[in-house]
Amino acid sequence: MNKDDVSKRFAKAQKSYVDHAVVQKKICTQLFMYMQNQNLLETQNRIFEIGCGTGNFSQIILNNFKYEQYFLNDIYSDVRENFVHYSNLNWCIGDVEKLEFPQQLDLIVSSSALQWMDDLNHIFRKAHSALNKGGYLCFSSFGQMNLKEIKMLTGRGLDYLSLDEMKKILEQIGFEIEILTEVTEQLLFDEPQQILKHLKATGVTATSNQFRWNKQSLANFYENYEQFKSENQQYSLTYHPIYCIARRK
């Protein structure tokens, strides 16, 4: 994956992301509910968020947790613009796979970001090392059915771990899994053109490096998308969120 492309496309989409990332917002709320159900809302002194983006999940954490230090990461520096109303934040800008994690953390969180990692095993190991004993790793990512329509028609998309693969890796590293679950969500659109606009507005087209649309490929895409038309004559786009709450033993 070309991380420069990922950075540029998300930076370009950050203004439109807020309005179009409806599934990602829903995922933020659901992840928080899982954390709430596990009684994680008491003070977490040192919190690190991976891939904070426009701050959908960050705002939930900032408004519901008491903390001493809050570290935020994203791959592009313009992300700071989304947090001008907050003070006392610590920034870790750059590719999180290459950065040193803050240490002695009580909580690491991430919502809809870890699917962009080249080596998720490496991220989990770094998280385990950075957490205090009994500290929590809480995240949402995506599974193998995510954006299946796009991958089927274009051959482009991310490689995702299955739930079993993720469970095995986390347990081998030394995490005790408290919640690991998956669901599918579908968005419906009136026209296939709207799906491409939606993906561009949320930055997801960062997977399309070396793929160039032209008049013919667009026509083929629109025609072939007919197979995903629902009974109510709308076109489906599938999201496959995964939720995990894991504790360092």
C-alpha atoms as a PDB file:
ATOM      1  CA  MET A   1       0.000   0.000   0.000  1.00  0.00           C
ATOM      2  CA  ASN A   2       1.246   3.462  -0.869  1.00  0.00           C
ATOM      3  CA  LYS A   3       0.960   5.373   2.404  1.00  0.00           C
ATOM      4  CA  ASP A   4       1.594   8.686   0.614  1.00  0.00           C
ATOM      5  CA  ASP A   5      -1.539   8.098  -1.457  1.00  0.00           C
ATOM      6  CA  VAL A   6      -3.491   7.194   1.673  1.00  0.00           C
ATOM      7  CA  SER A   7      -2.343  10.399   3.350  1.00  0.00           C
ATOM      8  CA  LYS A   8      -3.134  12.626   0.364  1.00  0.00           C
ATOM      9  CA  ARG A   9      -6.568  11.177  -0.286  1.00  0.00           C
ATOM     10  CA  PHE A  10      -7.695  11.359   3.313  1.00  0.00           C
ATOM     11  CA  ALA A  11      -6.339  14.901   3.633  1.00  0.00           C
ATOM     12  CA  LYS A  12      -8.294  15.839   0.511  1.00  0.00           C
ATOM     13  CA  ALA A  13     -11.459  14.166   1.800  1.00  0.00           C
ATOM     14  CA  GLN A  14     -11.420  15.426   5.366  1.00  0.00           C
ATOM     15  CA  LYS A  15     -13.959  18.219   4.704  1.00  0.00           C
ATOM     16  CA  SER A  16     -16.439  15.896   2.989  1.00  0.00           C
ATOM     17  CA  TYR A  17     -15.772  12.947   5.330  1.00  0.00           C
ATOM     18  CA  VAL A  18     -17.874  14.401   8.142  1.00  0.00           C
ATOM     19  CA  ASP A  19     -21.043  14.418   6.039  1.00  0.00           C
ATOM     20  CA  HIS A  20     -20.539  11.180   4.117  1.00  0.00           C
ATOM     21  CA  ALA A  21     -18.986   8.746   6.612  1.00  0.00           C
ATOM     22  CA  VAL A  22     -22.348   7.637   7.982  1.00  0.00           C
ATOM     23  CA  VAL A  23     -21.296   4.029   8.616  1.00  0.00           C
ATOM     24  CA  GLN A  24     -18.063   5.099  10.303  1.00  0.00           C
ATOM     25  CA  LYS A  25     -20.019   7.392  12.654  1.00  0.00           C
ATOM     26  CA  LYS A  26     -22.323   4.534  13.556  1.00  0.00           C
ATOM     27  CA  ILE A  27     -19.277   2.345  14.211  1.00  0.00           C
ATOM     28  CA  CYS A  28     -17.848   4.977  16.577  1.00  0.00           C
ATOM     29  CA  THR A  29     -21.033   4.938  18.614  1.00  0.00           C
ATOM     30  CA  GLN A  30     -21.174   1.142  18.726  1.00  0.00           C
ATOM     31  CA  LEU A  31     -17.527   0.821  19.782  1.00  0.00           C
ATOM     32  CA  PHE A  32     -18.109   3.298  22.581  1.00  0.00           C
ATOM     33  CA  MET A  33     -21.147   1.307  23.746  1.00  0.00           C
ATOM     34  CA  TYR A  34     -19.029  -1.845  23.941  1.00  0.00           C
ATOM     35  CA  MET A  35     -16.456   0.053  25.996  1.00  0.00           C
ATOM     36  CA  GLN A  36     -19.199   1.394  28.227  1.00  0.00           C
ATOM     37  CA  ASN A  37     -20.578  -2.103  28.762  1.00  0.00           C
ATOM     38  CA  GLN A  38     -17.117  -3.231  29.876  1.00  0.00           C
ATOM     39  CA  ASN A  39     -17.001  -0.423  32.465  1.00  0.00           C
ATOM     40  CA  LEU A  40     -14.086   1.342  30.806  1.00  0.00           C
ATOM     41  CA  LEU A  41     -15.360   4.874  31.393  1.00  0.00           C
ATOM     42  CA  GLU A  42     -13.525   5.461  34.640  1.00  0.00           C
ATOM     43  CA  THR A  43     -10.328   7.500  34.549  1.00  0.00           C
ATOM     44  CA  GLN A  44      -7.751   6.261  32.038  1.00  0.00           C
ATOM     45  CA  ASN A  45      -4.676   8.352  32.753  1.00  0.00           C
ATOM     46  CA  ARG A  46      -2.813   7.886  29.462  1.00  0.00           C
ATOM     47  CA  ILE A  47      -4.789   7.307  26.256  1.00  0.00           C
ATOM     48  CA  PHE A  48      -3.441   6.835  22.727  1.00  0.00           C
ATOM     49  CA  GLU A  49      -5.681   7.000  19.641  1.00  0.00           C
ATOM     50  CA  ILE A  50      -4.508   5.571  16.324  1.00  0.00           C
ATOM     51  CA  GLY A  51      -5.919   7.226  13.201  1.00  0.00           C
ATOM     52  CA  CYS A  52      -8.001   9.981  14.765  1.00  0.00           C
ATOM     53  CA  GLY A  53      -9.001  11.491  11.400  1.00  0.00           C
ATOM     54  CA  THR A  54     -11.744  14.095  11.614  1.00  0.00           C
ATOM     55  CA  GLY A  55     -12.298  13.264  15.268  1.00  0.00           C
ATOM     56  CA  ASN A  56     -15.603  11.381  15.223  1.00  0.00           C
ATOM     57  CA  PHE A  57     -14.400   8.884  17.806  1.00  0.00           C
ATOM     58  CA  SER A  58     -11.966  11.285  19.478  1.00  0.00           C
ATOM     59  CA  GLN A  59     -14.811  13.567  20.512  1.00  0.00           C
ATOM     60  CA  ILE A  60     -16.608  10.682  22.193  1.00  0.00           C
ATOM     61  CA  ILE A  61     -13.486   9.825  24.186  1.00  0.00           C
ATOM     62  CA  LEU A  62     -12.694  13.448  25.034  1.00  0.00           C
ATOM     63  CA  ASN A  63     -16.243  14.086  26.223  1.00  0.00           C
ATOM     64  CA  ASN A  64     -16.671  10.916  28.282  1.00  0.00           C
ATOM     65  CA  PHE A  65     -13.281  10.077  29.785  1.00  0.00           C
ATOM     66  CA  LYS A  66     -11.180  11.683  32.467  1.00  0.00           C
ATOM     67  CA  TYR A  67      -7.537  11.516  31.515  1.00  0.00           C
ATOM     68  CA  GLU A  68      -4.174  13.100  32.235  1.00  0.00           C
ATOM     69  CA  GLN A  69      -2.627  12.727  28.788  1.00  0.00           C
ATOM     70  CA  TYR A  70      -4.305  12.092  25.442  1.00  0.00           C
ATOM     71  CA  PHE A  71      -2.092  11.201  22.481  1.00  0.00           C
ATOM     72  CA  LEU A  72      -3.503  11.409  18.969  1.00  0.00           C
ATOM     73  CA  ASN A  73      -2.054   9.896  15.815  1.00  0.00           C
ATOM     74  CA  ASP A  74      -2.805  10.282  12.143  1.00  0.00           C
ATOM     75  CA  ILE A  75      -0.759  10.047   9.006  1.00  0.00           C
ATOM     76  CA  TYR A  76      -1.317  13.634   7.786  1.00  0.00           C
ATOM     77  CA  SER A  77      -0.570  16.808   9.762  1.00  0.00           C
ATOM     78  CA  ASP A  78      -3.635  18.763   8.613  1.00  0.00           C
ATOM     79  CA  VAL A  79      -5.672  16.574  10.934  1.00  0.00           C
ATOM     80  CA  ARG A  80      -4.873  19.068  13.695  1.00  0.00           C
ATOM     81  CA  GLU A  81      -7.395  21.437  12.103  1.00  0.00           C
ATOM     82  CA  ASN A  82     -10.188  19.208  13.396  1.00  0.00           C
ATOM     83  CA  PHE A  83      -9.163  19.706  17.023  1.00  0.00           C
ATOM     84  CA  VAL A  84      -8.729  23.461  17.354  1.00  0.00           C
ATOM     85  CA  HIS A  85     -11.368  23.606  20.102  1.00  0.00           C
ATOM     86  CA  TYR A  86      -9.447  21.183  22.332  1.00  0.00           C
ATOM     87  CA  SER A  87      -6.372  21.868  24.412  1.00  0.00           C
ATOM     88  CA  ASN A  88      -3.829  19.703  26.220  1.00  0.00           C
ATOM     89  CA  LEU A  89      -3.477  17.207  23.369  1.00  0.00           C
ATOM     90  CA  ASN A  90      -0.277  15.398  22.417  1.00  0.00           C
ATOM     91  CA  TRP A  91       0.319  14.757  18.714  1.00  0.00           C
ATOM     92  CA  CYS A  92       2.058  11.770  17.115  1.00  0.00           C
ATOM     93  CA  ILE A  93       1.841  12.602  13.404  1.00  0.00           C
ATOM     94  CA  GLY A  94       3.069  10.063  10.861  1.00  0.00           C
ATOM     95  CA  ASP A  95       2.789   6.438   9.812  1.00  0.00           C
ATOM     96  CA  VAL A  96       1.956   4.656  13.061  1.00  0.00           C
ATOM     97  CA  GLU A  97       3.670   1.498  11.816  1.00  0.00           C
ATOM     98  CA  LYS A  98       6.969   3.397  11.906  1.00  0.00           C
ATOM     99  CA  LEU A  99       6.395   5.629  14.943  1.00  0.00           C
ATOM    100  CA  GLU A 100       7.316   4.803  18.510  1.00  0.00           C
ATOM    101  CA  PHE A 101       4.178   4.433  20.604  1.00  0.00           C
ATOM    102  CA  PRO A 102       3.809   6.481  23.788  1.00  0.00           C
ATOM    103  CA  GLN A 103       4.567   4.172  26.705  1.00  0.00           C
ATOM    104  CA  GLN A 104       2.863   3.216  29.991  1.00  0.00           C
ATOM    105  CA  LEU A 105      -0.552   3.597  28.414  1.00  0.00           C
ATOM    106  CA  ASP A 106      -3.805   2.650  30.092  1.00  0.00           C
ATOM    107  CA  LEU A 107      -5.895   2.631  26.920  1.00  0.00           C
ATOM    108  CA  ILE A 108      -5.281   2.422  23.176  1.00  0.00           C
ATOM    109  CA  VAL A 109      -8.240   3.119  20.892  1.00  0.00           C
ATOM    110  CA  SER A 110      -8.816   3.201  17.155  1.00  0.00           C
ATOM    111  CA  SER A 111     -11.945   3.393  15.035  1.00  0.00           C
ATOM    112  CA  SER A 112     -12.032   2.497  11.328  1.00  0.00           C
ATOM    113  CA  ALA A 113      -8.280   2.941  10.836  1.00  0.00           C
ATOM    114  CA  LEU A 114      -6.403  -0.311  11.452  1.00  0.00           C
ATOM    115  CA  GLN A 115      -7.480  -1.799   8.108  1.00  0.00           C
ATOM    116  CA  TRP A 116      -4.927   0.540   6.496  1.00  0.00           C
ATOM    117  CA  MET A 117      -1.996  -1.156   8.236  1.00  0.00           C
ATOM    118  CA  ASP A 118       0.398  -3.277   6.197  1.00  0.00           C
ATOM    119  CA  ASP A 119       1.241  -5.449   9.213  1.00  0.00           C
ATOM    120  CA  LEU A 120      -1.504  -5.560  11.831  1.00  0.00           C
ATOM    121  CA  ASN A 121       0.456  -8.143  13.812  1.00  0.00           C
ATOM    122  CA  HIS A 122       3.205  -5.551  14.256  1.00  0.00           C
ATOM    123  CA  ILE A 123       0.709  -2.939  15.467  1.00  0.00           C
ATOM    124  CA  PHE A 124      -0.786  -5.347  17.999  1.00  0.00           C
ATOM    125  CA  ARG A 125       2.684  -6.179  19.342  1.00  0.00           C
ATOM    126  CA  LYS A 126       3.575  -2.511  19.684  1.00  0.00           C
ATOM    127  CA  ALA A 127       0.264  -1.910  21.457  1.00  0.00           C
ATOM    128  CA  HIS A 128       0.875  -4.776  23.869  1.00  0.00           C
ATOM    129  CA  SER A 129       4.343  -3.452  24.693  1.00  0.00           C
ATOM    130  CA  ALA A 130       3.074   0.107  25.230  1.00  0.00           C
ATOM    131  CA  LEU A 131       0.160  -0.817  27.506  1.00  0.00           C
ATOM    132  CA  ASN A 132       0.410  -1.185  31.254  1.00  0.00           C
ATOM    133  CA  LYS A 133      -0.574  -4.595  32.583  1.00  0.00           C
ATOM    134  CA  GLY A 134      -4.349  -4.712  32.585  1.00  0.00           C
ATOM    135  CA  GLY A 135      -4.490  -1.938  29.984  1.00  0.00           C
ATOM    136  CA  TYR A 136      -6.999  -2.109  27.138  1.00  0.00           C
ATOM    137  CA  LEU A 137      -6.833  -2.151  23.363  1.00  0.00           C
ATOM    138  CA  CYS A 138     -10.241  -1.164  21.962  1.00  0.00           C
ATOM    139  CA  PHE A 139     -10.762  -0.845  18.237  1.00  0.00           C
ATOM    140  CA  SER A 140     -12.999  -1.243  15.246  1.00  0.00           C
ATOM    141  CA  SER A 141     -11.709  -2.352  11.873  1.00  0.00           C
ATOM    142  CA  PHE A 142     -13.214  -4.133   8.870  1.00  0.00           C
ATOM    143  CA  GLY A 143     -13.600  -7.711   7.721  1.00  0.00           C
ATOM    144  CA  GLN A 144     -13.355  -9.610   4.474  1.00  0.00           C
ATOM    145  CA  MET A 145     -16.819  -8.693   3.160  1.00  0.00           C
ATOM    146  CA  ASN A 146     -16.053  -4.982   3.348  1.00  0.00           C
ATOM    147  CA  LEU A 147     -16.829  -3.134   0.092  1.00  0.00           C
ATOM    148  CA  LYS A 148     -17.139  -6.529  -1.582  1.00  0.00           C
ATOM    149  CA  GLU A 149     -18.999  -5.037  -4.559  1.00  0.00           C
ATOM    150  CA  ILE A 150     -16.100  -2.701  -5.385  1.00  0.00           C
ATOM    151  CA  LYS A 151     -13.478  -5.400  -5.078  1.00  0.00           C
ATOM    152  CA  MET A 152     -15.495  -7.767  -7.255  1.00  0.00           C
ATOM    153  CA  LEU A 153     -15.908  -5.205 -10.044  1.00  0.00           C
ATOM    154  CA  THR A 154     -12.517  -3.473  -9.975  1.00  0.00           C
ATOM    155  CA  GLY A 155     -10.185  -6.017  -8.388  1.00  0.00           C
ATOM    156  CA  ARG A 156      -9.073  -3.242  -6.017  1.00  0.00           C
ATOM    157  CA  GLY A 157      -9.378  -3.261  -2.268  1.00  0.00           C
ATOM    158  CA  LEU A 158      -7.658  -3.994   1.007  1.00  0.00           C
ATOM    159  CA  ASP A 159      -6.725  -7.400   2.383  1.00  0.00           C
ATOM    160  CA  TYR A 160      -8.564  -8.078   5.625  1.00  0.00           C
ATOM    161  CA  LEU A 161      -8.001 -10.545   8.440  1.00  0.00           C
ATOM    162  CA  SER A 162     -10.805 -12.917   9.360  1.00  0.00           C
ATOM    163  CA  LEU A 163     -12.190 -12.845  12.888  1.00  0.00           C
ATOM    164  CA  ASP A 164     -10.429 -16.126  13.700  1.00  0.00           C
ATOM    165  CA  GLU A 165      -7.100 -14.840  12.380  1.00  0.00           C
ATOM    166  CA  MET A 166      -7.407 -11.678  14.449  1.00  0.00           C
ATOM    167  CA  LYS A 167      -8.311 -13.657  17.566  1.00  0.00           C
ATOM    168  CA  LYS A 168      -5.335 -15.983  17.138  1.00  0.00           C
ATOM    169  CA  ILE A 169      -2.859 -13.123  16.698  1.00  0.00           C
ATOM    170  CA  LEU A 170      -4.120 -11.166  19.697  1.00  0.00           C
ATOM    171  CA  GLU A 171      -4.089 -14.170  22.006  1.00  0.00           C
ATOM    172  CA  GLN A 172      -0.618 -15.272  20.895  1.00  0.00           C
ATOM    173  CA  ILE A 173       0.726 -11.799  21.666  1.00  0.00           C
ATOM    174  CA  GLY A 174      -0.729 -11.871  25.167  1.00  0.00           C
ATOM    175  CA  PHE A 175      -4.126 -10.207  25.021  1.00  0.00           C
ATOM    176  CA  GLU A 176      -7.226 -11.541  26.711  1.00  0.00           C
ATOM    177  CA  ILE A 177     -10.173 -10.910  24.427  1.00  0.00           C
ATOM    178  CA  GLU A 178     -13.306  -9.621  26.106  1.00  0.00           C
ATOM    179  CA  ILE A 179     -15.270  -8.729  22.972  1.00  0.00           C
ATOM    180  CA  LEU A 180     -14.600  -9.717  19.352  1.00  0.00           C
ATOM    181  CA  THR A 181     -17.585  -9.539  17.064  1.00  0.00           C
ATOM    182  CA  GLU A 182     -18.583  -8.599  13.530  1.00  0.00           C
ATOM    183  CA  VAL A 183     -21.663  -7.377  11.646  1.00  0.00           C
ATOM    184  CA  THR A 184     -22.456  -6.242   8.117  1.00  0.00           C
ATOM    185  CA  GLU A 185     -24.017  -2.909   7.212  1.00  0.00           C
ATOM    186  CA  GLN A 186     -25.431  -1.945   3.837  1.00  0.00           C
ATOM    187  CA  LEU A 187     -25.849   1.485   2.340  1.00  0.00           C
ATOM    188  CA  LEU A 188     -28.313   1.915  -0.524  1.00  0.00           C
ATOM    189  CA  PHE A 189     -27.914   4.350  -3.405  1.00  0.00           C
ATOM    190  CA  ASP A 190     -30.159   5.328  -6.280  1.00  0.00           C
ATOM    191  CA  GLU A 191     -27.361   5.214  -8.855  1.00  0.00           C
ATOM    192  CA  PRO A 192     -23.911   3.538  -9.056  1.00  0.00           C
ATOM    193  CA  GLN A 193     -22.414   6.988  -9.715  1.00  0.00           C
ATOM    194  CA  GLN A 194     -23.394   7.988  -6.183  1.00  0.00           C
ATOM    195  CA  ILE A 195     -21.376   5.089  -4.781  1.00  0.00           C
ATOM    196  CA  LEU A 196     -18.158   6.319  -6.381  1.00  0.00           C
ATOM    197  CA  LYS A 197     -18.838   9.838  -5.079  1.00  0.00           C
ATOM    198  CA  HIS A 198     -19.457   8.414  -1.604  1.00  0.00           C
ATOM    199  CA  LEU A 199     -16.178   6.488  -1.636  1.00  0.00           C
ATOM    200  CA  LYS A 200     -14.230   9.515  -2.836  1.00  0.00           C
ATOM    201  CA  ALA A 201     -15.827  11.715  -0.160  1.00  0.00           C
ATOM    202  CA  THR A 202     -14.736   9.307   2.580  1.00  0.00           C
ATOM    203  CA  GLY A 203     -11.188   8.821   1.286  1.00  0.00           C
ATOM    204  CA  VAL A 204     -11.656   5.123   0.597  1.00  0.00           C
ATOM    205  CA  THR A 205     -10.357   5.532  -2.966  1.00  0.00           C
ATOM    206  CA  ALA A 206      -6.883   5.485  -1.425  1.00  0.00           C
ATOM    207  CA  THR A 207      -6.875   1.805  -2.441  1.00  0.00           C
ATOM    208  CA  SER A 208      -7.144   2.695  -6.114  1.00  0.00           C
ATOM    209  CA  ASN A 209      -3.556   3.662  -6.864  1.00  0.00           C
ATOM    210  CA  GLN A 210      -2.570   2.609 -10.394  1.00  0.00           C
ATOM    211  CA  PHE A 211      -6.267   2.218 -11.260  1.00  0.00           C
ATOM    212  CA  ARG A 212      -7.516   4.933 -13.585  1.00  0.00           C
ATOM    213  CA  TRP A 213     -11.120   5.463 -14.537  1.00  0.00           C
ATOM    214  CA  ASN A 214     -11.929   6.268 -18.137  1.00  0.00           C
ATOM    215  CA  LYS A 215     -15.137   6.475 -20.130  1.00  0.00           C
ATOM    216  CA  GLN A 216     -15.174   2.757 -20.911  1.00  0.00           C
ATOM    217  CA  SER A 217     -14.235   1.496 -17.436  1.00  0.00           C
ATOM    218  CA  LEU A 218     -16.893   3.727 -15.881  1.00  0.00           C
ATOM    219  CA  ALA A 219     -19.509   2.456 -18.317  1.00  0.00           C
ATOM    220  CA  ASN A 220     -18.540  -1.138 -17.509  1.00  0.00           C
ATOM    221  CA  PHE A 221     -18.666  -0.420 -13.790  1.00  0.00           C
ATOM    222  CA  TYR A 222     -22.138   1.103 -13.976  1.00  0.00           C
ATOM    223  CA  GLU A 223     -23.422  -1.757 -16.126  1.00  0.00           C
ATOM    224  CA  ASN A 224     -21.939  -4.502 -13.953  1.00  0.00           C
ATOM    225  CA  TYR A 225     -23.212  -2.903 -10.768  1.00  0.00           C
ATOM    226  CA  GLU A 226     -26.723  -3.867 -11.887  1.00  0.00           C
ATOM    227  CA  GLN A 227     -26.152  -7.257 -10.252  1.00  0.00           C
ATOM    228  CA  PHE A 228     -26.161  -5.530  -6.862  1.00  0.00           C
ATOM    229  CA  LYS A 229     -29.518  -3.831  -7.360  1.00  0.00           C
ATOM    230  CA  SER A 230     -31.936  -4.592  -4.524  1.00  0.00           C
ATOM    231  CA  GLU A 231     -35.637  -5.364  -4.740  1.00  0.00           C
ATOM    232  CA  ASN A 232     -36.458  -1.702  -4.216  1.00  0.00           C
ATOM    233  CA  GLN A 233     -34.296  -0.815  -7.233  1.00  0.00           C
ATOM    234  CA  GLN A 234     -31.444   0.651  -5.196  1.00  0.00           C
ATOM    235  CA  TYR A 235     -27.769  -0.282  -5.331  1.00  0.00           C
ATOM    236  CA  SER A 236     -26.077  -1.764  -2.277  1.00  0.00           C
ATOM    237  CA  LEU A 237     -22.637  -1.109  -0.818  1.00  0.00           C
ATOM    238  CA  THR A 238     -21.527  -3.449   1.960  1.00  0.00           C
ATOM    239  CA  TYR A 239     -19.521  -2.533   5.045  1.00  0.00           C
ATOM    240  CA  HIS A 240     -18.234  -5.239   7.392  1.00  0.00           C
ATOM    241  CA  PRO A 241     -17.182  -3.726  10.738  1.00  0.00           C
ATOM    242  CA  ILE A 242     -15.306  -5.728  13.360  1.00  0.00           C
ATOM    243  CA  TYR A 243     -15.269  -4.678  17.027  1.00  0.00           C
ATOM    244  CA  CYS A 244     -12.658  -5.726  19.558  1.00  0.00           C
ATOM    245  CA  ILE A 245     -11.971  -5.058  23.222  1.00  0.00           C
ATOM    246  CA  ALA A 246      -8.835  -6.812  24.442  1.00  0.00           C
ATOM    247  CA  ARG A 247      -6.968  -6.531  27.751  1.00  0.00           C
ATOM    248  CA  ARG A 248      -3.248  -6.967  28.249  1.00  0.00           C
ATOM    249  CA  LYS A 249      -2.830  -9.863  30.667  1.00  0.00           C
END
